[in-house]
Protein backbone atom coordinates (compact mmCIF):
# COMPACT_ATOMS: atom_id res chain seq x y z
CA MET A 1 42.90 26.24 69.42
CA THR A 2 43.01 28.94 72.08
CA LEU A 3 40.77 31.91 71.48
CA PRO A 4 41.69 35.43 72.56
CA ALA A 5 40.62 36.39 76.05
CA SER A 6 37.92 38.99 76.47
CA PRO A 7 38.79 41.20 79.44
CA ASP A 8 35.60 43.18 78.86
CA ILE A 9 33.41 40.34 80.18
CA ALA A 10 33.59 39.92 83.96
CA VAL A 11 32.67 36.63 85.63
CA GLN A 12 32.04 36.36 89.38
CA VAL A 13 31.27 33.18 91.32
CA GLU A 14 29.85 32.46 94.76
CA ALA A 15 29.86 28.84 95.92
CA GLN A 16 28.11 27.32 98.92
CA HIS A 17 28.15 23.86 100.51
CA LEU A 18 24.67 22.37 100.83
CA ALA A 19 25.00 20.23 103.95
CA VAL A 20 21.32 19.27 104.06
CA HIS A 21 21.60 17.64 100.61
CA SER A 22 25.02 16.04 101.17
CA THR A 23 26.02 12.61 102.44
CA PRO A 24 29.41 11.37 103.68
CA GLU A 25 29.95 9.82 100.21
CA ARG A 26 28.87 12.84 98.15
CA GLN A 27 29.09 16.53 99.00
CA LEU A 28 26.77 18.91 97.13
CA PHE A 29 27.75 22.49 96.31
CA SER A 30 25.68 25.19 94.65
CA TYR A 31 27.22 28.12 92.85
CA VAL A 32 25.88 31.38 91.48
CA ILE A 33 27.53 32.88 88.41
CA ARG A 34 27.26 36.56 87.46
CA ILE A 35 28.40 37.47 83.95
CA GLU A 36 28.67 41.17 83.12
CA ASN A 37 29.39 42.60 79.68
CA ARG A 38 31.62 45.61 80.29
CA SER A 39 32.40 46.11 76.62
CA ASP A 40 30.77 48.36 74.06
CA GLN A 41 29.54 45.48 71.90
CA THR A 42 26.97 42.69 72.21
CA TRP A 43 28.19 39.16 73.02
CA LYS A 44 26.34 35.83 72.86
CA LEU A 45 27.43 33.08 75.23
CA LEU A 46 27.97 30.02 73.03
CA SER A 47 29.51 27.43 75.34
CA ARG A 48 31.14 26.64 78.64
CA HIS A 49 34.17 24.65 79.74
CA TRP A 50 34.70 23.52 83.34
CA ASP A 51 37.73 21.95 85.00
CA ILE A 52 36.61 20.28 88.23
CA VAL A 53 39.25 18.89 90.61
CA ASP A 54 38.32 16.88 93.70
CA GLY A 55 40.24 16.38 96.96
CA ARG A 56 42.21 13.44 95.48
CA GLY A 57 43.40 15.64 92.61
CA GLN A 58 41.20 13.79 90.12
CA ALA A 59 40.29 16.20 87.32
CA THR A 60 37.13 16.14 85.25
CA SER A 61 36.43 18.41 82.29
CA VAL A 62 32.89 19.33 81.28
CA ASP A 63 31.97 21.07 78.03
CA GLY A 64 28.55 22.11 76.85
CA ASP A 65 26.47 24.54 74.88
CA GLY A 66 25.36 27.67 76.72
CA VAL A 67 24.44 27.63 80.39
CA VAL A 68 21.33 26.21 82.09
CA GLY A 69 19.77 25.51 78.70
CA GLU A 70 20.27 29.05 77.41
CA GLN A 71 22.69 30.94 75.19
CA PRO A 72 22.15 34.41 76.62
CA VAL A 73 22.87 37.54 74.61
CA LEU A 74 24.51 40.30 76.65
CA PRO A 75 24.26 43.82 75.24
CA PRO A 76 26.75 46.45 76.48
CA GLY A 77 26.26 46.70 80.24
CA GLY A 78 24.13 43.55 80.25
CA VAL A 79 24.23 41.08 83.12
CA PHE A 80 23.22 37.41 83.21
CA VAL A 81 22.99 35.53 86.50
CA TYR A 82 22.36 31.81 86.92
CA ASP A 83 22.87 29.09 89.47
CA SER A 84 23.87 25.46 89.21
CA PHE A 85 25.42 22.72 91.32
CA VAL A 86 28.18 20.15 91.44
CA THR A 87 28.90 17.11 93.62
CA LEU A 88 32.25 15.87 94.88
CA GLU A 89 33.06 12.54 96.51
CA VAL A 90 36.23 13.87 98.14
CA THR A 91 36.70 17.45 99.37
CA PRO A 92 38.13 20.01 99.28
CA GLY A 93 38.05 20.60 95.56
CA HIS A 94 37.91 23.48 93.14
CA MET A 95 36.48 24.55 89.80
CA SER A 96 37.51 26.95 87.06
CA GLY A 97 37.02 27.27 83.34
CA HIS A 98 35.91 29.64 80.62
CA TYR A 99 32.97 30.73 78.52
CA THR A 100 33.18 31.13 74.76
CA PHE A 101 31.34 34.12 73.36
CA GLN A 102 30.50 35.26 69.85
CA GLY A 103 30.38 38.91 68.88
CA ALA A 104 28.00 40.63 66.49
CA TRP A 105 30.48 40.24 63.62
CA GLY A 106 31.05 36.52 64.20
CA GLU A 107 34.31 36.85 66.11
CA THR A 108 34.79 34.57 69.13
CA ALA A 109 36.51 35.19 72.43
CA GLN A 110 36.89 33.51 75.79
CA ALA A 111 36.11 34.89 79.22
CA PRO A 112 37.82 33.08 82.10
CA ILE A 113 35.84 31.72 85.03
CA PRO A 114 38.00 32.33 88.10
CA ILE A 115 38.96 29.38 90.26
CA PHE A 116 36.74 28.84 93.28
CA LEU A 117 36.95 26.45 96.21
CA LEU A 118 34.53 23.66 97.02
CA GLU A 119 35.04 22.82 100.67
CA VAL A 120 32.93 21.73 103.59
CA PRO A 121 33.02 24.47 106.25
CA GLY A 122 35.02 23.57 109.35
CA THR A 123 36.94 20.68 107.77
CA ARG A 124 40.03 22.47 106.51
CA THR A 125 43.29 21.00 107.78
CA LEU A 126 46.27 23.27 108.29
CA HIS A 127 49.77 21.85 107.87
């Protein structure tokens, strides 16, 4: 079942390749997520869904409760920032997904996580 989108919750992502923690077989990327409640009601982040695609086109979906062990509550104007990481065997790749939120009256809505690239700097091939 697809839930209605919530355009009043903005999600921004910044990703970075962590060369010092990577090997030729596994590239590590960190990402920082900023979630801002631009609506006039309070929302609780219930769960997350990620679609991770590596350089071979292999897709992996990840679902879980909350983020980084929390289910933050965002009042109007509230912001929640967290960081996490992902590894890829083959780059470049990308991630996207959505968060599911619950409002004060029990209604649920989804906020999209915009697609972001996971690439090792200086390795992009132009065709």
